[in-house]
Amino acid sequence: MTAFWIAHVKVLDPAKYKDYTDIAPQAYKKFGAVFLARGGASQVLEGESFERHVVIEFSDMQTALACYHSPEYQAAKSKRDGHCIAHVSIVEGLGD
């Protein structure tokens, strides 16, 4: 059953955040991530406003979690820590 990584991000320091975006794709590629939404126009109707919304599809929950906890992603995450506010959730899909 597919799983979706859903992130809402407010960038505080674009130059430092770029250090994250430069290396994070290594992890996504390794785990077969498919980006369904990244940035783009959005409108927050309820809750806190974030400038970036990202939806990434993975083959299953285990793969999505493995990507997040991987050394590759954690190295990228360490580059963004303190330079953005991020809310990240992984949600299981509905299945076939």
N, C-alpha and C. Protein backbone atom coordinates (compact mmCIF):
# COMPACT_ATOMS: atom_id res chain seq x y z
N MET A 1 0.84 -1.17 0.00
CA MET A 1 0.00 0.00 0.00
C MET A 1 0.89 1.24 0.00
N THR A 2 0.63 2.16 -0.89
CA THR A 2 1.45 3.37 -0.99
C THR A 2 1.42 4.17 0.31
N ALA A 3 2.41 5.04 0.44
CA ALA A 3 2.48 5.97 1.57
C ALA A 3 2.92 7.31 1.02
N PHE A 4 2.51 8.36 1.70
CA PHE A 4 2.80 9.71 1.26
C PHE A 4 3.50 10.49 2.36
N TRP A 5 4.58 11.11 1.97
CA TRP A 5 5.33 12.00 2.85
C TRP A 5 4.76 13.38 2.58
N ILE A 6 4.20 14.01 3.60
CA ILE A 6 3.59 15.32 3.46
C ILE A 6 4.36 16.31 4.33
N ALA A 7 4.89 17.33 3.71
CA ALA A 7 5.70 18.31 4.44
C ALA A 7 5.17 19.72 4.17
N HIS A 8 5.19 20.51 5.23
CA HIS A 8 4.85 21.94 5.15
C HIS A 8 6.06 22.67 5.71
N VAL A 9 6.60 23.59 4.93
CA VAL A 9 7.89 24.20 5.29
C VAL A 9 7.83 25.72 5.17
N LYS A 10 8.39 26.37 6.16
CA LYS A 10 8.60 27.82 6.14
C LYS A 10 10.11 28.03 6.18
N VAL A 11 10.68 28.53 5.11
CA VAL A 11 12.13 28.73 5.01
C VAL A 11 12.51 30.02 5.74
N LEU A 12 13.47 29.91 6.64
CA LEU A 12 13.95 31.07 7.39
C LEU A 12 15.21 31.67 6.79
N ASP A 13 16.05 30.82 6.21
CA ASP A 13 17.31 31.25 5.60
C ASP A 13 17.47 30.52 4.27
N PRO A 14 17.06 31.16 3.17
CA PRO A 14 17.10 30.48 1.86
C PRO A 14 18.48 29.96 1.47
N ALA A 15 19.54 30.68 1.79
CA ALA A 15 20.89 30.24 1.41
C ALA A 15 21.25 28.93 2.13
N LYS A 16 20.96 28.87 3.41
CA LYS A 16 21.27 27.66 4.18
C LYS A 16 20.32 26.52 3.80
N TYR A 17 19.06 26.84 3.50
CA TYR A 17 18.10 25.82 3.10
C TYR A 17 18.52 25.16 1.79
N LYS A 18 19.18 25.91 0.94
CA LYS A 18 19.67 25.36 -0.33
C LYS A 18 20.68 24.24 -0.09
N ASP A 19 21.43 24.33 1.00
CA ASP A 19 22.35 23.25 1.34
C ASP A 19 21.59 21.93 1.50
N TYR A 20 20.37 22.00 2.03
CA TYR A 20 19.50 20.83 2.18
C TYR A 20 19.00 20.37 0.82
N THR A 21 18.46 21.30 0.03
CA THR A 21 17.88 20.91 -1.26
C THR A 21 18.92 20.40 -2.25
N ASP A 22 20.17 20.74 -2.03
CA ASP A 22 21.24 20.25 -2.91
C ASP A 22 21.52 18.77 -2.70
N ILE A 23 21.34 18.25 -1.48
CA ILE A 23 21.72 16.86 -1.23
C ILE A 23 20.54 15.93 -0.91
N ALA A 24 19.39 16.46 -0.54
CA ALA A 24 18.23 15.61 -0.21
C ALA A 24 17.81 14.69 -1.36
N PRO A 25 17.90 15.12 -2.62
CA PRO A 25 17.48 14.23 -3.71
C PRO A 25 18.20 12.88 -3.74
N GLN A 26 19.38 12.79 -3.19
CA GLN A 26 20.09 11.51 -3.13
C GLN A 26 19.25 10.47 -2.39
N ALA A 27 18.67 10.86 -1.26
CA ALA A 27 17.84 9.94 -0.48
C ALA A 27 16.55 9.61 -1.22
N TYR A 28 15.92 10.63 -1.79
CA TYR A 28 14.66 10.39 -2.49
C TYR A 28 14.85 9.42 -3.65
N LYS A 29 15.92 9.59 -4.39
CA LYS A 29 16.19 8.71 -5.53
C LYS A 29 16.44 7.28 -5.06
N LYS A 30 17.22 7.13 -4.01
CA LYS A 30 17.56 5.80 -3.48
C LYS A 30 16.30 5.02 -3.10
N PHE A 31 15.27 5.71 -2.61
CA PHE A 31 14.07 5.04 -2.13
C PHE A 31 12.88 5.13 -3.09
N GLY A 32 13.14 5.55 -4.32
CA GLY A 32 12.11 5.55 -5.36
C GLY A 32 11.00 6.55 -5.15
N ALA A 33 11.30 7.67 -4.53
CA ALA A 33 10.29 8.69 -4.26
C ALA A 33 9.77 9.33 -5.55
N VAL A 34 8.48 9.62 -5.56
CA VAL A 34 7.85 10.31 -6.68
C VAL A 34 7.20 11.58 -6.13
N PHE A 35 7.66 12.73 -6.59
CA PHE A 35 7.10 14.00 -6.13
C PHE A 35 5.78 14.26 -6.83
N LEU A 36 4.74 14.48 -6.04
CA LEU A 36 3.42 14.80 -6.58
C LEU A 36 3.14 16.29 -6.48
N ALA A 37 3.72 16.95 -5.49
CA ALA A 37 3.61 18.41 -5.34
C ALA A 37 4.87 18.89 -4.64
N ARG A 38 5.39 20.02 -5.09
CA ARG A 38 6.59 20.60 -4.47
C ARG A 38 6.58 22.09 -4.75
N GLY A 39 6.35 22.86 -3.70
CA GLY A 39 6.26 24.31 -3.90
C GLY A 39 4.99 24.63 -4.66
N GLY A 40 5.07 25.46 -5.63
CA GLY A 40 3.90 25.80 -6.43
C GLY A 40 2.89 26.64 -5.68
N ALA A 41 1.89 27.07 -6.40
CA ALA A 41 0.84 27.89 -5.82
C ALA A 41 0.05 27.09 -4.80
N SER A 42 -0.32 27.75 -3.71
CA SER A 42 -1.13 27.09 -2.68
C SER A 42 -1.92 28.15 -1.94
N GLN A 43 -2.93 27.68 -1.24
CA GLN A 43 -3.74 28.57 -0.42
C GLN A 43 -4.07 27.81 0.86
N VAL A 44 -3.63 28.33 2.00
CA VAL A 44 -3.90 27.71 3.29
C VAL A 44 -5.27 28.18 3.76
N LEU A 45 -6.18 27.25 3.97
CA LEU A 45 -7.54 27.60 4.36
C LEU A 45 -7.75 27.48 5.86
N GLU A 46 -6.96 26.64 6.52
CA GLU A 46 -7.05 26.48 7.97
C GLU A 46 -5.66 26.19 8.52
N GLY A 47 -5.38 26.65 9.70
CA GLY A 47 -4.11 26.36 10.35
C GLY A 47 -3.01 27.33 9.96
N GLU A 48 -1.82 27.00 10.43
CA GLU A 48 -0.65 27.83 10.21
C GLU A 48 -0.29 27.90 8.73
N SER A 49 0.14 29.06 8.30
CA SER A 49 0.52 29.26 6.91
C SER A 49 1.99 28.88 6.69
N PHE A 50 2.24 28.07 5.67
CA PHE A 50 3.58 27.70 5.26
C PHE A 50 3.73 28.07 3.79
N GLU A 51 4.96 28.39 3.37
CA GLU A 51 5.16 28.80 1.98
C GLU A 51 5.39 27.63 1.04
N ARG A 52 5.86 26.50 1.58
CA ARG A 52 6.14 25.34 0.73
C ARG A 52 5.34 24.14 1.23
N HIS A 53 4.72 23.44 0.31
CA HIS A 53 3.97 22.22 0.62
C HIS A 53 4.49 21.15 -0.32
N VAL A 54 4.82 20.00 0.24
CA VAL A 54 5.44 18.94 -0.55
C VAL A 54 4.69 17.64 -0.29
N VAL A 55 4.36 16.92 -1.37
CA VAL A 55 3.76 15.60 -1.26
C VAL A 55 4.61 14.65 -2.08
N ILE A 56 5.10 13.61 -1.41
CA ILE A 56 5.98 12.64 -2.07
C ILE A 56 5.38 11.25 -1.89
N GLU A 57 5.29 10.51 -2.98
CA GLU A 57 4.74 9.16 -2.93
C GLU A 57 5.86 8.12 -2.84
N PHE A 58 5.64 7.13 -1.98
CA PHE A 58 6.54 5.99 -1.83
C PHE A 58 5.74 4.71 -2.03
N SER A 59 6.43 3.63 -2.31
CA SER A 59 5.75 2.37 -2.58
C SER A 59 4.98 1.85 -1.36
N ASP A 60 5.46 2.16 -0.16
CA ASP A 60 4.78 1.71 1.06
C ASP A 60 5.31 2.49 2.26
N MET A 61 4.68 2.30 3.40
CA MET A 61 5.04 3.01 4.62
C MET A 61 6.47 2.69 5.04
N GLN A 62 6.85 1.44 4.96
CA GLN A 62 8.20 1.04 5.38
C GLN A 62 9.27 1.76 4.56
N THR A 63 9.05 1.89 3.26
CA THR A 63 10.02 2.57 2.40
C THR A 63 10.08 4.06 2.71
N ALA A 64 8.92 4.67 2.95
CA ALA A 64 8.89 6.10 3.29
C ALA A 64 9.64 6.35 4.59
N LEU A 65 9.41 5.51 5.59
CA LEU A 65 10.11 5.65 6.87
C LEU A 65 11.60 5.38 6.72
N ALA A 66 11.94 4.39 5.91
CA ALA A 66 13.36 4.07 5.68
C ALA A 66 14.07 5.25 5.03
N CYS A 67 13.39 5.93 4.11
CA CYS A 67 13.98 7.11 3.48
C CYS A 67 14.24 8.19 4.52
N TYR A 68 13.23 8.48 5.33
CA TYR A 68 13.38 9.54 6.34
C TYR A 68 14.52 9.24 7.31
N HIS A 69 14.62 8.00 7.74
CA HIS A 69 15.62 7.62 8.74
C HIS A 69 16.98 7.25 8.14
N SER A 70 17.09 7.27 6.82
CA SER A 70 18.34 6.89 6.15
C SER A 70 19.46 7.87 6.46
N PRO A 71 20.70 7.39 6.43
CA PRO A 71 21.84 8.29 6.61
C PRO A 71 21.85 9.43 5.59
N GLU A 72 21.42 9.13 4.36
CA GLU A 72 21.42 10.15 3.31
C GLU A 72 20.45 11.28 3.65
N TYR A 73 19.23 10.92 4.08
CA TYR A 73 18.27 11.97 4.39
C TYR A 73 18.64 12.69 5.68
N GLN A 74 19.09 11.98 6.67
CA GLN A 74 19.45 12.62 7.93
C GLN A 74 20.61 13.61 7.74
N ALA A 75 21.53 13.30 6.82
CA ALA A 75 22.61 14.25 6.51
C ALA A 75 22.02 15.51 5.87
N ALA A 76 21.06 15.32 4.98
CA ALA A 76 20.40 16.48 4.35
C ALA A 76 19.62 17.27 5.40
N LYS A 77 18.87 16.58 6.23
CA LYS A 77 18.06 17.22 7.26
C LYS A 77 18.92 18.07 8.20
N SER A 78 20.10 17.58 8.51
CA SER A 78 20.99 18.34 9.40
C SER A 78 21.37 19.68 8.78
N LYS A 79 21.35 19.76 7.46
CA LYS A 79 21.66 21.02 6.76
C LYS A 79 20.53 22.03 6.87
N ARG A 80 19.28 21.55 7.03
CA ARG A 80 18.14 22.47 7.11
C ARG A 80 17.75 22.80 8.54
N ASP A 81 18.17 21.98 9.49
CA ASP A 81 17.81 22.22 10.89
C ASP A 81 18.23 23.62 11.31
N GLY A 82 17.28 24.36 11.87
CA GLY A 82 17.53 25.72 12.31
C GLY A 82 17.36 26.77 11.22
N HIS A 83 17.18 26.33 9.98
CA HIS A 83 17.05 27.26 8.86
C HIS A 83 15.66 27.23 8.24
N CYS A 84 14.78 26.42 8.84
CA CYS A 84 13.39 26.37 8.40
C CYS A 84 12.54 25.83 9.54
N ILE A 85 11.25 26.00 9.39
CA ILE A 85 10.28 25.35 10.27
C ILE A 85 9.59 24.33 9.39
N ALA A 86 9.62 23.07 9.78
CA ALA A 86 9.04 22.01 8.96
C ALA A 86 8.13 21.12 9.79
N HIS A 87 6.99 20.80 9.21
CA HIS A 87 6.08 19.80 9.75
C HIS A 87 6.08 18.68 8.72
N VAL A 88 6.47 17.48 9.13
CA VAL A 88 6.56 16.34 8.21
C VAL A 88 5.74 15.19 8.78
N SER A 89 4.87 14.64 7.94
CA SER A 89 4.08 13.46 8.32
C SER A 89 4.20 12.45 7.21
N ILE A 90 4.08 11.19 7.58
CA ILE A 90 4.00 10.12 6.59
C ILE A 90 2.65 9.45 6.79
N VAL A 91 1.89 9.36 5.71
CA VAL A 91 0.52 8.87 5.78
C VAL A 91 0.36 7.70 4.83
N GLU A 92 -0.24 6.64 5.32
CA GLU A 92 -0.51 5.48 4.48
C GLU A 92 -1.64 5.79 3.52
N GLY A 93 -1.50 5.32 2.28
CA GLY A 93 -2.52 5.53 1.27
C GLY A 93 -3.71 4.61 1.49
N LEU A 94 -4.71 4.76 0.65
CA LEU A 94 -5.94 3.99 0.79
C LEU A 94 -5.85 2.59 0.22
N GLY A 95 -4.87 2.33 -0.60
CA GLY A 95 -4.74 1.01 -1.20
C GLY A 95 -5.52 0.92 -2.50
N ASP A 96 -5.56 -0.29 -3.02
CA ASP A 96 -6.20 -0.51 -4.34
C ASP A 96 -7.68 -0.64 -4.24
